[in-house]
Amino acid sequence: EELTATKSKSDSFRSKLGTHIKANFSEVK
């Protein structure tokens, strides 16, 4: 919420972060 400034945007932002983390996870690991 602090990063997005609103609760409604925080869920979609978390989903966006999750998508990017999944895409990079194996390489980072």
mmCIF file of all heavy atoms, coordinates in Angstrom:
data_MODEL
# 
_entry.id   MODEL 
# 
loop_
_atom_site.group_PDB 
_atom_site.id 
_atom_site.type_symbol 
_atom_site.label_atom_id 
_atom_site.label_alt_id 
_atom_site.label_comp_id 
_atom_site.label_asym_id 
_atom_site.label_entity_id 
_atom_site.label_seq_id 
_atom_site.pdbx_PDB_ins_code 
_atom_site.Cartn_x 
_atom_site.Cartn_y 
_atom_site.Cartn_z 
_atom_site.occupancy 
_atom_site.B_iso_or_equiv 
_atom_site.pdbx_formal_charge 
_atom_site.auth_seq_id 
_atom_site.auth_comp_id 
_atom_site.auth_asym_id 
_atom_site.auth_atom_id 
_atom_site.pdbx_PDB_model_num 
ATOM 1   N N   . GLU A 1 1  ? 0.823  -1.206  0.000   1.00 0.00 ? 1  GLU A N   1 
ATOM 2   C CA  . GLU A 1 1  ? 0.000  0.000   0.000   1.00 0.00 ? 1  GLU A CA  1 
ATOM 3   C C   . GLU A 1 1  ? 0.857  1.256   0.000   1.00 0.00 ? 1  GLU A C   1 
ATOM 4   O O   . GLU A 1 1  ? 0.529  2.232   -0.668  1.00 0.00 ? 1  GLU A O   1 
ATOM 5   C CB  . GLU A 1 1  ? -0.951 -0.005  1.195   1.00 0.00 ? 1  GLU A CB  1 
ATOM 6   C CG  . GLU A 1 1  ? -2.082 -1.001  1.042   1.00 0.00 ? 1  GLU A CG  1 
ATOM 7   C CD  . GLU A 1 1  ? -2.989 -1.050  2.259   1.00 0.00 ? 1  GLU A CD  1 
ATOM 8   O OE1 . GLU A 1 1  ? -3.223 0.003   2.869   1.00 0.00 ? 1  GLU A OE1 1 
ATOM 9   O OE2 . GLU A 1 1  ? -3.457 -2.151  2.583   1.00 0.00 ? 1  GLU A OE2 1 
ATOM 10  N N   . GLU A 1 2  ? 1.955  1.238   0.754   1.00 0.00 ? 2  GLU A N   1 
ATOM 11  C CA  . GLU A 1 2  ? 2.854  2.390   0.770   1.00 0.00 ? 2  GLU A CA  1 
ATOM 12  C C   . GLU A 1 2  ? 3.458  2.621   -0.614  1.00 0.00 ? 2  GLU A C   1 
ATOM 13  O O   . GLU A 1 2  ? 3.639  3.758   -1.034  1.00 0.00 ? 2  GLU A O   1 
ATOM 14  C CB  . GLU A 1 2  ? 3.965  2.190   1.797   1.00 0.00 ? 2  GLU A CB  1 
ATOM 15  C CG  . GLU A 1 2  ? 3.488  2.273   3.227   1.00 0.00 ? 2  GLU A CG  1 
ATOM 16  C CD  . GLU A 1 2  ? 4.563  1.901   4.227   1.00 0.00 ? 2  GLU A CD  1 
ATOM 17  O OE1 . GLU A 1 2  ? 5.749  1.768   3.841   1.00 0.00 ? 2  GLU A OE1 1 
ATOM 18  O OE2 . GLU A 1 2  ? 4.213  1.728   5.403   1.00 0.00 ? 2  GLU A OE2 1 
ATOM 19  N N   . LEU A 1 3  ? 3.784  1.550   -1.317  1.00 0.00 ? 3  LEU A N   1 
ATOM 20  C CA  . LEU A 1 3  ? 4.376  1.687   -2.648  1.00 0.00 ? 3  LEU A CA  1 
ATOM 21  C C   . LEU A 1 3  ? 3.362  2.141   -3.688  1.00 0.00 ? 3  LEU A C   1 
ATOM 22  O O   . LEU A 1 3  ? 3.708  2.850   -4.623  1.00 0.00 ? 3  LEU A O   1 
ATOM 23  C CB  . LEU A 1 3  ? 4.999  0.364   -3.103  1.00 0.00 ? 3  LEU A CB  1 
ATOM 24  C CG  . LEU A 1 3  ? 6.317  -0.014  -2.430  1.00 0.00 ? 3  LEU A CG  1 
ATOM 25  C CD1 . LEU A 1 3  ? 6.705  -1.440  -2.804  1.00 0.00 ? 3  LEU A CD1 1 
ATOM 26  C CD2 . LEU A 1 3  ? 7.425  0.945   -2.808  1.00 0.00 ? 3  LEU A CD2 1 
ATOM 27  N N   . THR A 1 4  ? 2.115  1.733   -3.533  1.00 0.00 ? 4  THR A N   1 
ATOM 28  C CA  . THR A 1 4  ? 1.108  2.053   -4.551  1.00 0.00 ? 4  THR A CA  1 
ATOM 29  C C   . THR A 1 4  ? 0.216  3.220   -4.163  1.00 0.00 ? 4  THR A C   1 
ATOM 30  O O   . THR A 1 4  ? -0.474 3.764   -5.013  1.00 0.00 ? 4  THR A O   1 
ATOM 31  C CB  . THR A 1 4  ? 0.202  0.838   -4.830  1.00 0.00 ? 4  THR A CB  1 
ATOM 32  O OG1 . THR A 1 4  ? -0.471 0.470   -3.617  1.00 0.00 ? 4  THR A OG1 1 
ATOM 33  C CG2 . THR A 1 4  ? 0.998  -0.322  -5.371  1.00 0.00 ? 4  THR A CG2 1 
ATOM 34  N N   . ALA A 1 5  ? 0.177  3.572   -2.899  1.00 0.00 ? 5  ALA A N   1 
ATOM 35  C CA  . ALA A 1 5  ? -0.610 4.686   -2.364  1.00 0.00 ? 5  ALA A CA  1 
ATOM 36  C C   . ALA A 1 5  ? -2.101 4.370   -2.185  1.00 0.00 ? 5  ALA A C   1 
ATOM 37  O O   . ALA A 1 5  ? -2.807 5.137   -1.574  1.00 0.00 ? 5  ALA A O   1 
ATOM 38  C CB  . ALA A 1 5  ? -0.445 5.956   -3.186  1.00 0.00 ? 5  ALA A CB  1 
ATOM 39  N N   . THR A 1 6  ? -2.580 3.241   -2.694  1.00 0.00 ? 6  THR A N   1 
ATOM 40  C CA  . THR A 1 6  ? -3.978 2.875   -2.453  1.00 0.00 ? 6  THR A CA  1 
ATOM 41  C C   . THR A 1 6  ? -4.107 1.363   -2.301  1.00 0.00 ? 6  THR A C   1 
ATOM 42  O O   . THR A 1 6  ? -3.374 0.605   -2.915  1.00 0.00 ? 6  THR A O   1 
ATOM 43  C CB  . THR A 1 6  ? -4.921 3.299   -3.611  1.00 0.00 ? 6  THR A CB  1 
ATOM 44  O OG1 . THR A 1 6  ? -4.618 2.510   -4.752  1.00 0.00 ? 6  THR A OG1 1 
ATOM 45  C CG2 . THR A 1 6  ? -4.797 4.770   -3.925  1.00 0.00 ? 6  THR A CG2 1 
ATOM 46  N N   . LYS A 1 7  ? -5.070 0.948   -1.496  1.00 0.00 ? 7  LYS A N   1 
ATOM 47  C CA  . LYS A 1 7  ? -5.304 -0.479  -1.271  1.00 0.00 ? 7  LYS A CA  1 
ATOM 48  C C   . LYS A 1 7  ? -5.760 -1.166  -2.555  1.00 0.00 ? 7  LYS A C   1 
ATOM 49  O O   . LYS A 1 7  ? -5.355 -2.277  -2.843  1.00 0.00 ? 7  LYS A O   1 
ATOM 50  C CB  . LYS A 1 7  ? -6.333 -0.681  -0.169  1.00 0.00 ? 7  LYS A CB  1 
ATOM 51  C CG  . LYS A 1 7  ? -6.693 -2.125  0.064   1.00 0.00 ? 7  LYS A CG  1 
ATOM 52  C CD  . LYS A 1 7  ? -6.585 -2.496  1.500   1.00 0.00 ? 7  LYS A CD  1 
ATOM 53  C CE  . LYS A 1 7  ? -6.972 -3.924  1.759   1.00 0.00 ? 7  LYS A CE  1 
ATOM 54  N NZ  . LYS A 1 7  ? -5.970 -4.886  1.477   1.00 0.00 ? 7  LYS A NZ  1 
ATOM 55  N N   . SER A 1 8  ? -6.589 -0.501  -3.343  1.00 0.00 ? 8  SER A N   1 
ATOM 56  C CA  . SER A 1 8  ? -7.127 -1.143  -4.546  1.00 0.00 ? 8  SER A CA  1 
ATOM 57  C C   . SER A 1 8  ? -6.021 -1.479  -5.544  1.00 0.00 ? 8  SER A C   1 
ATOM 58  O O   . SER A 1 8  ? -6.107 -2.468  -6.258  1.00 0.00 ? 8  SER A O   1 
ATOM 59  C CB  . SER A 1 8  ? -8.181 -0.261  -5.199  1.00 0.00 ? 8  SER A CB  1 
ATOM 60  O OG  . SER A 1 8  ? -7.610 0.949   -5.623  1.00 0.00 ? 8  SER A OG  1 
ATOM 61  N N   . LYS A 1 9  ? -4.985 -0.671  -5.581  1.00 0.00 ? 9  LYS A N   1 
ATOM 62  C CA  . LYS A 1 9  ? -3.889 -0.928  -6.508  1.00 0.00 ? 9  LYS A CA  1 
ATOM 63  C C   . LYS A 1 9  ? -2.894 -1.944  -5.941  1.00 0.00 ? 9  LYS A C   1 
ATOM 64  O O   . LYS A 1 9  ? -2.133 -2.539  -6.699  1.00 0.00 ? 9  LYS A O   1 
ATOM 65  C CB  . LYS A 1 9  ? -3.147 0.366   -6.826  1.00 0.00 ? 9  LYS A CB  1 
ATOM 66  C CG  . LYS A 1 9  ? -3.925 1.344   -7.657  1.00 0.00 ? 9  LYS A CG  1 
ATOM 67  C CD  . LYS A 1 9  ? -3.079 2.568   -7.943  1.00 0.00 ? 9  LYS A CD  1 
ATOM 68  C CE  . LYS A 1 9  ? -3.844 3.585   -8.734  1.00 0.00 ? 9  LYS A CE  1 
ATOM 69  N NZ  . LYS A 1 9  ? -3.023 4.798   -8.951  1.00 0.00 ? 9  LYS A NZ  1 
ATOM 70  N N   . SER A 1 10 ? -2.874 -2.125  -4.624  1.00 0.00 ? 10 SER A N   1 
ATOM 71  C CA  . SER A 1 10 ? -1.842 -2.972  -4.026  1.00 0.00 ? 10 SER A CA  1 
ATOM 72  C C   . SER A 1 10 ? -1.963 -4.435  -4.437  1.00 0.00 ? 10 SER A C   1 
ATOM 73  O O   . SER A 1 10 ? -0.957 -5.105  -4.624  1.00 0.00 ? 10 SER A O   1 
ATOM 74  C CB  . SER A 1 10 ? -1.830 -2.837  -2.497  1.00 0.00 ? 10 SER A CB  1 
ATOM 75  O OG  . SER A 1 10 ? -2.989 -3.370  -1.922  1.00 0.00 ? 10 SER A OG  1 
ATOM 76  N N   . ASP A 1 11 ? -3.189 -4.950  -4.605  1.00 0.00 ? 11 ASP A N   1 
ATOM 77  C CA  . ASP A 1 11 ? -3.358 -6.349  -5.015  1.00 0.00 ? 11 ASP A CA  1 
ATOM 78  C C   . ASP A 1 11 ? -2.832 -6.590  -6.423  1.00 0.00 ? 11 ASP A C   1 
ATOM 79  O O   . ASP A 1 11 ? -2.146 -7.575  -6.681  1.00 0.00 ? 11 ASP A O   1 
ATOM 80  C CB  . ASP A 1 11 ? -4.824 -6.773  -4.920  1.00 0.00 ? 11 ASP A CB  1 
ATOM 81  C CG  . ASP A 1 11 ? -5.300 -6.903  -3.482  1.00 0.00 ? 11 ASP A CG  1 
ATOM 82  O OD1 . ASP A 1 11 ? -4.431 -7.091  -2.589  1.00 0.00 ? 11 ASP A OD1 1 
ATOM 83  O OD2 . ASP A 1 11 ? -6.507 -6.806  -3.254  1.00 0.00 ? 11 ASP A OD2 1 
ATOM 84  N N   . SER A 1 12 ? -3.139 -5.681  -7.337  1.00 0.00 ? 12 SER A N   1 
ATOM 85  C CA  . SER A 1 12 ? -2.647 -5.863  -8.702  1.00 0.00 ? 12 SER A CA  1 
ATOM 86  C C   . SER A 1 12 ? -1.137 -5.647  -8.761  1.00 0.00 ? 12 SER A C   1 
ATOM 87  O O   . SER A 1 12 ? -0.442 -6.306  -9.540  1.00 0.00 ? 12 SER A O   1 
ATOM 88  C CB  . SER A 1 12 ? -3.366 -4.935  -9.676  1.00 0.00 ? 12 SER A CB  1 
ATOM 89  O OG  . SER A 1 12 ? -3.141 -3.591  -9.348  1.00 0.00 ? 12 SER A OG  1 
ATOM 90  N N   . PHE A 1 13 ? -0.625 -4.777  -7.914  1.00 0.00 ? 13 PHE A N   1 
ATOM 91  C CA  . PHE A 1 13 ? 0.819  -4.546  -7.870  1.00 0.00 ? 13 PHE A CA  1 
ATOM 92  C C   . PHE A 1 13 ? 1.535  -5.789  -7.341  1.00 0.00 ? 13 PHE A C   1 
ATOM 93  O O   . PHE A 1 13 ? 2.562  -6.192  -7.871  1.00 0.00 ? 13 PHE A O   1 
ATOM 94  C CB  . PHE A 1 13 ? 1.126  -3.328  -7.003  1.00 0.00 ? 13 PHE A CB  1 
ATOM 95  C CG  . PHE A 1 13 ? 2.538  -2.853  -7.124  1.00 0.00 ? 13 PHE A CG  1 
ATOM 96  C CD1 . PHE A 1 13 ? 3.035  -2.389  -8.328  1.00 0.00 ? 13 PHE A CD1 1 
ATOM 97  C CD2 . PHE A 1 13 ? 3.381  -2.861  -6.031  1.00 0.00 ? 13 PHE A CD2 1 
ATOM 98  C CE1 . PHE A 1 13 ? 4.335  -1.942  -8.450  1.00 0.00 ? 13 PHE A CE1 1 
ATOM 99  C CE2 . PHE A 1 13 ? 4.683  -2.415  -6.136  1.00 0.00 ? 13 PHE A CE2 1 
ATOM 100 C CZ  . PHE A 1 13 ? 5.164  -1.953  -7.351  1.00 0.00 ? 13 PHE A CZ  1 
ATOM 101 N N   . ARG A 1 14 ? 0.969  -6.410  -6.308  1.00 0.00 ? 14 ARG A N   1 
ATOM 102 C CA  . ARG A 1 14 ? 1.553  -7.638  -5.770  1.00 0.00 ? 14 ARG A CA  1 
ATOM 103 C C   . ARG A 1 14 ? 1.576  -8.718  -6.847  1.00 0.00 ? 14 ARG A C   1 
ATOM 104 O O   . ARG A 1 14 ? 2.555  -9.442  -7.003  1.00 0.00 ? 14 ARG A O   1 
ATOM 105 C CB  . ARG A 1 14 ? 0.766  -8.127  -4.549  1.00 0.00 ? 14 ARG A CB  1 
ATOM 106 C CG  . ARG A 1 14 ? 1.345  -9.419  -3.973  1.00 0.00 ? 14 ARG A CG  1 
ATOM 107 C CD  . ARG A 1 14 ? 0.619  -9.905  -2.746  1.00 0.00 ? 14 ARG A CD  1 
ATOM 108 N NE  . ARG A 1 14 ? -0.773 -10.163 -3.035  1.00 0.00 ? 14 ARG A NE  1 
ATOM 109 C CZ  . ARG A 1 14 ? -1.778 -9.737  -2.283  1.00 0.00 ? 14 ARG A CZ  1 
ATOM 110 N NH1 . ARG A 1 14 ? -1.559 -9.041  -1.193  1.00 0.00 ? 14 ARG A NH1 1 
ATOM 111 N NH2 . ARG A 1 14 ? -3.021 -10.024 -2.607  1.00 0.00 ? 14 ARG A NH2 1 
ATOM 112 N N   . SER A 1 15 ? 0.521  -8.801  -7.622  1.00 0.00 ? 15 SER A N   1 
ATOM 113 C CA  . SER A 1 15 ? 0.456  -9.772  -8.709  1.00 0.00 ? 15 SER A CA  1 
ATOM 114 C C   . SER A 1 15 ? 1.538  -9.489  -9.751  1.00 0.00 ? 15 SER A C   1 
ATOM 115 O O   . SER A 1 15 ? 2.200  -10.411 -10.244 1.00 0.00 ? 15 SER A O   1 
ATOM 116 C CB  . SER A 1 15 ? -0.932 -9.729  -9.340  1.00 0.00 ? 15 SER A CB  1 
ATOM 117 O OG  . SER A 1 15 ? -0.994 -10.592 -10.431 1.00 0.00 ? 15 SER A OG  1 
ATOM 118 N N   . LYS A 1 16 ? 1.740  -8.221  -10.073 1.00 0.00 ? 16 LYS A N   1 
ATOM 119 C CA  . LYS A 1 16 ? 2.772  -7.831  -11.036 1.00 0.00 ? 16 LYS A CA  1 
ATOM 120 C C   . LYS A 1 16 ? 4.157  -8.208  -10.512 1.00 0.00 ? 16 LYS A C   1 
ATOM 121 O O   . LYS A 1 16 ? 4.977  -8.756  -11.250 1.00 0.00 ? 16 LYS A O   1 
ATOM 122 C CB  . LYS A 1 16 ? 2.687  -6.324  -11.289 1.00 0.00 ? 16 LYS A CB  1 
ATOM 123 C CG  . LYS A 1 16 ? 3.683  -5.805  -12.286 1.00 0.00 ? 16 LYS A CG  1 
ATOM 124 C CD  . LYS A 1 16 ? 3.471  -4.305  -12.500 1.00 0.00 ? 16 LYS A CD  1 
ATOM 125 C CE  . LYS A 1 16 ? 4.377  -3.761  -13.565 1.00 0.00 ? 16 LYS A CE  1 
ATOM 126 N NZ  . LYS A 1 16 ? 4.093  -2.359  -13.864 1.00 0.00 ? 16 LYS A NZ  1 
ATOM 127 N N   . LEU A 1 17 ? 4.415  -7.928  -9.232  1.00 0.00 ? 17 LEU A N   1 
ATOM 128 C CA  . LEU A 1 17 ? 5.709  -8.304  -8.648  1.00 0.00 ? 17 LEU A CA  1 
ATOM 129 C C   . LEU A 1 17 ? 5.888  -9.818  -8.699  1.00 0.00 ? 17 LEU A C   1 
ATOM 130 O O   . LEU A 1 17 ? 6.965  -10.310 -9.041  1.00 0.00 ? 17 LEU A O   1 
ATOM 131 C CB  . LEU A 1 17 ? 5.817  -7.819  -7.195  1.00 0.00 ? 17 LEU A CB  1 
ATOM 132 C CG  . LEU A 1 17 ? 5.844  -6.315  -6.964  1.00 0.00 ? 17 LEU A CG  1 
ATOM 133 C CD1 . LEU A 1 17 ? 5.957  -6.019  -5.470  1.00 0.00 ? 17 LEU A CD1 1 
ATOM 134 C CD2 . LEU A 1 17 ? 6.952  -5.650  -7.728  1.00 0.00 ? 17 LEU A CD2 1 
ATOM 135 N N   . GLY A 1 18 ? 4.847  -10.543 -8.363  1.00 0.00 ? 18 GLY A N   1 
ATOM 136 C CA  . GLY A 1 18 ? 4.910  -12.005 -8.383  1.00 0.00 ? 18 GLY A CA  1 
ATOM 137 C C   . GLY A 1 18 ? 5.244  -12.550 -9.763  1.00 0.00 ? 18 GLY A C   1 
ATOM 138 O O   . GLY A 1 18 ? 6.054  -13.471 -9.905  1.00 0.00 ? 18 GLY A O   1 
ATOM 139 N N   . THR A 1 19 ? 4.645  -11.975 -10.789 1.00 0.00 ? 19 THR A N   1 
ATOM 140 C CA  . THR A 1 19 ? 4.925  -12.400 -12.161 1.00 0.00 ? 19 THR A CA  1 
ATOM 141 C C   . THR A 1 19 ? 6.393  -12.201 -12.506 1.00 0.00 ? 19 THR A C   1 
ATOM 142 O O   . THR A 1 19 ? 7.044  -13.091 -13.075 1.00 0.00 ? 19 THR A O   1 
ATOM 143 C CB  . THR A 1 19 ? 4.031  -11.621 -13.150 1.00 0.00 ? 19 THR A CB  1 
ATOM 144 O OG1 . THR A 1 19 ? 2.663  -11.897 -12.838 1.00 0.00 ? 19 THR A OG1 1 
ATOM 145 C CG2 . THR A 1 19 ? 4.323  -12.001 -14.584 1.00 0.00 ? 19 THR A CG2 1 
ATOM 146 N N   . HIS A 1 20 ? 6.946  -11.064 -12.139 1.00 0.00 ? 20 HIS A N   1 
ATOM 147 C CA  . HIS A 1 20 ? 8.354  -10.768 -12.438 1.00 0.00 ? 20 HIS A CA  1 
ATOM 148 C C   . HIS A 1 20 ? 9.293  -11.637 -11.597 1.00 0.00 ? 20 HIS A C   1 
ATOM 149 O O   . HIS A 1 20 ? 10.330 -12.088 -12.103 1.00 0.00 ? 20 HIS A O   1 
ATOM 150 C CB  . HIS A 1 20 ? 8.644  -9.286  -12.215 1.00 0.00 ? 20 HIS A CB  1 
ATOM 151 C CG  . HIS A 1 20 ? 8.101  -8.406  -13.297 1.00 0.00 ? 20 HIS A CG  1 
ATOM 152 N ND1 . HIS A 1 20 ? 8.897  -7.802  -14.231 1.00 0.00 ? 20 HIS A ND1 1 
ATOM 153 C CD2 . HIS A 1 20 ? 6.825  -8.048  -13.590 1.00 0.00 ? 20 HIS A CD2 1 
ATOM 154 C CE1 . HIS A 1 20 ? 8.144  -7.107  -15.056 1.00 0.00 ? 20 HIS A CE1 1 
ATOM 155 N NE2 . HIS A 1 20 ? 6.877  -7.238  -14.688 1.00 0.00 ? 20 HIS A NE2 1 
ATOM 156 N N   . ILE A 1 21 ? 8.932  -11.864 -10.351 1.00 0.00 ? 21 ILE A N   1 
ATOM 157 C CA  . ILE A 1 21 ? 9.777  -12.720 -9.500  1.00 0.00 ? 21 ILE A CA  1 
ATOM 158 C C   . ILE A 1 21 ? 9.788  -14.145 -10.043 1.00 0.00 ? 21 ILE A C   1 
ATOM 159 O O   . ILE A 1 21 ? 10.849 -14.768 -10.145 1.00 0.00 ? 21 ILE A O   1 
ATOM 160 C CB  . ILE A 1 21 ? 9.318  -12.681 -8.026  1.00 0.00 ? 21 ILE A CB  1 
ATOM 161 C CG1 . ILE A 1 21 ? 9.590  -11.289 -7.432  1.00 0.00 ? 21 ILE A CG1 1 
ATOM 162 C CG2 . ILE A 1 21 ? 10.029 -13.755 -7.204  1.00 0.00 ? 21 ILE A CG2 1 
ATOM 163 C CD1 . ILE A 1 21 ? 8.965  -11.057 -6.068  1.00 0.00 ? 21 ILE A CD1 1 
ATOM 164 N N   . LYS A 1 22 ? 8.625  -14.663 -10.417 1.00 0.00 ? 22 LYS A N   1 
ATOM 165 C CA  . LYS A 1 22 ? 8.552  -16.018 -10.995 1.00 0.00 ? 22 LYS A CA  1 
ATOM 166 C C   . LYS A 1 22 ? 9.433  -16.128 -12.241 1.00 0.00 ? 22 LYS A C   1 
ATOM 167 O O   . LYS A 1 22 ? 10.107 -17.134 -12.438 1.00 0.00 ? 22 LYS A O   1 
ATOM 168 C CB  . LYS A 1 22 ? 7.113  -16.371 -11.373 1.00 0.00 ? 22 LYS A CB  1 
ATOM 169 C CG  . LYS A 1 22 ? 6.249  -16.776 -10.232 1.00 0.00 ? 22 LYS A CG  1 
ATOM 170 C CD  . LYS A 1 22 ? 4.857  -17.124 -10.756 1.00 0.00 ? 22 LYS A CD  1 
ATOM 171 C CE  . LYS A 1 22 ? 3.834  -17.055 -9.662  1.00 0.00 ? 22 LYS A CE  1 
ATOM 172 N NZ  . LYS A 1 22 ? 2.475  -17.268 -10.157 1.00 0.00 ? 22 LYS A NZ  1 
ATOM 173 N N   . ALA A 1 23 ? 9.408  -15.098 -13.076 1.00 0.00 ? 23 ALA A N   1 
ATOM 174 C CA  . ALA A 1 23 ? 10.177 -15.122 -14.320 1.00 0.00 ? 23 ALA A CA  1 
ATOM 175 C C   . ALA A 1 23 ? 11.683 -15.149 -14.061 1.00 0.00 ? 23 ALA A C   1 
ATOM 176 O O   . ALA A 1 23 ? 12.448 -15.647 -14.879 1.00 0.00 ? 23 ALA A O   1 
ATOM 177 C CB  . ALA A 1 23 ? 9.822  -13.913 -15.186 1.00 0.00 ? 23 ALA A CB  1 
ATOM 178 N N   . ASN A 1 24 ? 12.112 -14.625 -12.928 1.00 0.00 ? 24 ASN A N   1 
ATOM 179 C CA  . ASN A 1 24 ? 13.539 -14.523 -12.613 1.00 0.00 ? 24 ASN A CA  1 
ATOM 180 C C   . ASN A 1 24 ? 14.004 -15.496 -11.541 1.00 0.00 ? 24 ASN A C   1 
ATOM 181 O O   . ASN A 1 24 ? 15.203 -15.616 -11.286 1.00 0.00 ? 24 ASN A O   1 
ATOM 182 C CB  . ASN A 1 24 ? 13.853 -13.096 -12.142 1.00 0.00 ? 24 ASN A CB  1 
ATOM 183 C CG  . ASN A 1 24 ? 13.774 -12.096 -13.259 1.00 0.00 ? 24 ASN A CG  1 
ATOM 184 O OD1 . ASN A 1 24 ? 14.685 -11.967 -14.052 1.00 0.00 ? 24 ASN A OD1 1 
ATOM 185 N ND2 . ASN A 1 24 ? 12.655 -11.380 -13.349 1.00 0.00 ? 24 ASN A ND2 1 
ATOM 186 N N   . PHE A 1 25 ? 13.073 -16.180 -10.901 1.00 0.00 ? 25 PHE A N   1 
ATOM 187 C CA  . PHE A 1 25 ? 13.400 -16.979 -9.720  1.00 0.00 ? 25 PHE A CA  1 
ATOM 188 C C   . PHE A 1 25 ? 14.500 -18.013 -9.959  1.00 0.00 ? 25 PHE A C   1 
ATOM 189 O O   . PHE A 1 25 ? 15.462 -18.103 -9.208  1.00 0.00 ? 25 PHE A O   1 
ATOM 190 C CB  . PHE A 1 25 ? 12.148 -17.670 -9.157  1.00 0.00 ? 25 PHE A CB  1 
ATOM 191 C CG  . PHE A 1 25 ? 12.432 -18.431 -7.901  1.00 0.00 ? 25 PHE A CG  1 
ATOM 192 C CD1 . PHE A 1 25 ? 12.525 -17.774 -6.689  1.00 0.00 ? 25 PHE A CD1 1 
ATOM 193 C CD2 . PHE A 1 25 ? 12.633 -19.808 -7.927  1.00 0.00 ? 25 PHE A CD2 1 
ATOM 194 C CE1 . PHE A 1 25 ? 12.810 -18.464 -5.528  1.00 0.00 ? 25 PHE A CE1 1 
ATOM 195 C CE2 . PHE A 1 25 ? 12.923 -20.507 -6.774  1.00 0.00 ? 25 PHE A CE2 1 
ATOM 196 C CZ  . PHE A 1 25 ? 13.008 -19.836 -5.563  1.00 0.00 ? 25 PHE A CZ  1 
ATOM 197 N N   . SER A 1 26 ? 14.353 -18.835 -11.021 1.00 0.00 ? 26 SER A N   1 
ATOM 198 C CA  . SER A 1 26 ? 15.348 -19.906 -11.204 1.00 0.00 ? 26 SER A CA  1 
ATOM 199 C C   . SER A 1 26 ? 16.747 -19.368 -11.425 1.00 0.00 ? 26 SER A C   1 
ATOM 200 O O   . SER A 1 26 ? 17.703 -19.913 -10.909 1.00 0.00 ? 26 SER A O   1 
ATOM 201 C CB  . SER A 1 26 ? 15.021 -20.874 -12.310 1.00 0.00 ? 26 SER A CB  1 
ATOM 202 O OG  . SER A 1 26 ? 13.931 -20.627 -12.998 1.00 0.00 ? 26 SER A OG  1 
ATOM 203 N N   . GLU A 1 27 ? 16.875 -18.282 -12.170 1.00 0.00 ? 27 GLU A N   1 
ATOM 204 C CA  . GLU A 1 27 ? 18.198 -17.705 -12.428 1.00 0.00 ? 27 GLU A CA  1 
ATOM 205 C C   . GLU A 1 27 ? 18.801 -17.109 -11.147 1.00 0.00 ? 27 GLU A C   1 
ATOM 206 O O   . GLU A 1 27 ? 19.978 -17.306 -10.854 1.00 0.00 ? 27 GLU A O   1 
ATOM 207 C CB  . GLU A 1 27 ? 18.099 -16.633 -13.520 1.00 0.00 ? 27 GLU A CB  1 
ATOM 208 C CG  . GLU A 1 27 ? 19.428 -16.120 -13.993 1.00 0.00 ? 27 GLU A CG  1 
ATOM 209 C CD  . GLU A 1 27 ? 20.278 -17.157 -14.714 1.00 0.00 ? 27 GLU A CD  1 
ATOM 210 O OE1 . GLU A 1 27 ? 19.736 -18.147 -15.241 1.00 0.00 ? 27 GLU A OE1 1 
ATOM 211 O OE2 . GLU A 1 27 ? 21.512 -16.970 -14.745 1.00 0.00 ? 27 GLU A OE2 1 
ATOM 212 N N   . VAL A 1 28 ? 17.985 -16.393 -10.390 1.00 0.00 ? 28 VAL A N   1 
ATOM 213 C CA  . VAL A 1 28 ? 18.466 -15.811 -9.130  1.00 0.00 ? 28 VAL A CA  1 
ATOM 214 C C   . VAL A 1 28 ? 18.843 -16.923 -8.157  1.00 0.00 ? 28 VAL A C   1 
ATOM 215 O O   . VAL A 1 28 ? 19.907 -16.881 -7.530  1.00 0.00 ? 28 VAL A O   1 
ATOM 216 C CB  . VAL A 1 28 ? 17.401 -14.873 -8.511  1.00 0.00 ? 28 VAL A CB  1 
ATOM 217 C CG1 . VAL A 1 28 ? 17.804 -14.418 -7.116  1.00 0.00 ? 28 VAL A CG1 1 
ATOM 218 C CG2 . VAL A 1 28 ? 17.163 -13.668 -9.420  1.00 0.00 ? 28 VAL A CG2 1 
ATOM 219 N N   . LYS A 1 29 ? 17.985 -17.935 -8.060  1.00 0.00 ? 29 LYS A N   1 
ATOM 220 C CA  . LYS A 1 29 ? 18.267 -19.066 -7.167  1.00 0.00 ? 29 LYS A CA  1 
ATOM 221 C C   . LYS A 1 29 ? 19.594 -19.728 -7.533  1.00 0.00 ? 29 LYS A C   1 
ATOM 222 O O   . LYS A 1 29 ? 20.433 -19.994 -6.663  1.00 0.00 ? 29 LYS A O   1 
ATOM 223 C CB  . LYS A 1 29 ? 17.135 -20.087 -7.253  1.00 0.00 ? 29 LYS A CB  1 
ATOM 224 C CG  . LYS A 1 29 ? 17.405 -21.346 -6.479  1.00 0.00 ? 29 LYS A CG  1 
ATOM 225 C CD  . LYS A 1 29 ? 16.381 -22.418 -6.786  1.00 0.00 ? 29 LYS A CD  1 
ATOM 226 C CE  . LYS A 1 29 ? 16.896 -23.731 -6.237  1.00 0.00 ? 29 LYS A CE  1 
ATOM 227 N NZ  . LYS A 1 29 ? 16.092 -24.848 -6.557  1.00 0.00 ? 29 LYS A NZ  1 
# 
